[in-house]
């Protein structure tokens, strides 16, 4: 038979209400809390989340909203979030908005009402829309900045500079940049970094389109890249880069002998492409873990105690990026 709170109370020699307080961060003595936790562990007691919620006002669940789970980048972030959540006995509801702003805003409102807090990964909605729907007191952004909200971001500008610096060192002076969605904050950060680079040296950056952040988006961009004078291309992400590689191969363009290709994100498939893809490494899983820890501190302590922990003045967390050099980039053709 399933162990109940009454069994734990008898084993610990306390009342049922004391067990509830001890297991939900309520006011009890350290000795009592230890006795109750020992009894619960020994008996294999698992608290009823719904019943606890009536006492604490907490569901024990969090929300994670991503633009597209088919993109391995977001799957890696989700794995980091769910692994950390498991370690603190939290559930995670994941919503895939399919790159749709209306669906994203609806998911924020729904999960905001039904969970203790929400992680928003690379949201596509504008700042004003997000601030209108999301509660800054229980929301953390991943790979996006919005004034007044906590966030975990990667050093996008630094990664972009590393990629262009690598191509310049190989002799490339005309580089195409295949841009992603217009409403992508990360894409805008890349463009800003590229503008700074072209202002500082003799490198010409040619923007190519605004494509879907998918393999097919890269395929469609391939002919546009080949129509210009670029000898190298930096793609919005690795999926776009792989689509480019596919189209270049179909056109008989040797990589990297005639065209160098660099991606962004370093998803697991980057090493499986032909040739293996040079790309900017973004710490995806670590970003998910850092964002979850920030959210737990904000809504109630990293130990799930229900006691307020974070502050609106907590600093933004910025994670370093690096360049993984593989076989898709080479010396510029003469």
Foldseek 3Di string as FASTA:
>chain_A
DADDLVQLCVQLVHDSVLLLQLVQQHDDDPVSSVSSVVSCVVRVHDDDQVVSCVVQVANLEEEEEDAAVVPLLVVLLVVLQCVLSVVLSGHYHYHHQNNDLVSRLVVQQVRVVVHLAYEYEQHLDDLVSCPVRHDQLRYEYEQDDHPLHAYAHAPLLVLLVQVVVVQVVLPWQEEEEEAEAPSGPSSVSSVVSVVVVVVPDRHHYHYFDHFHPALVRLLVRQVVVVVDDGQEYEYAAVRSQLSNVVNCVVVVHDFNQRYAYEGEACRVCQVVGVPRHKYKHDPSSVSSNVRNCQSCQSQAHSNSNRHHGDDSPDDHHYHYIDIDDTRRHHRGHD
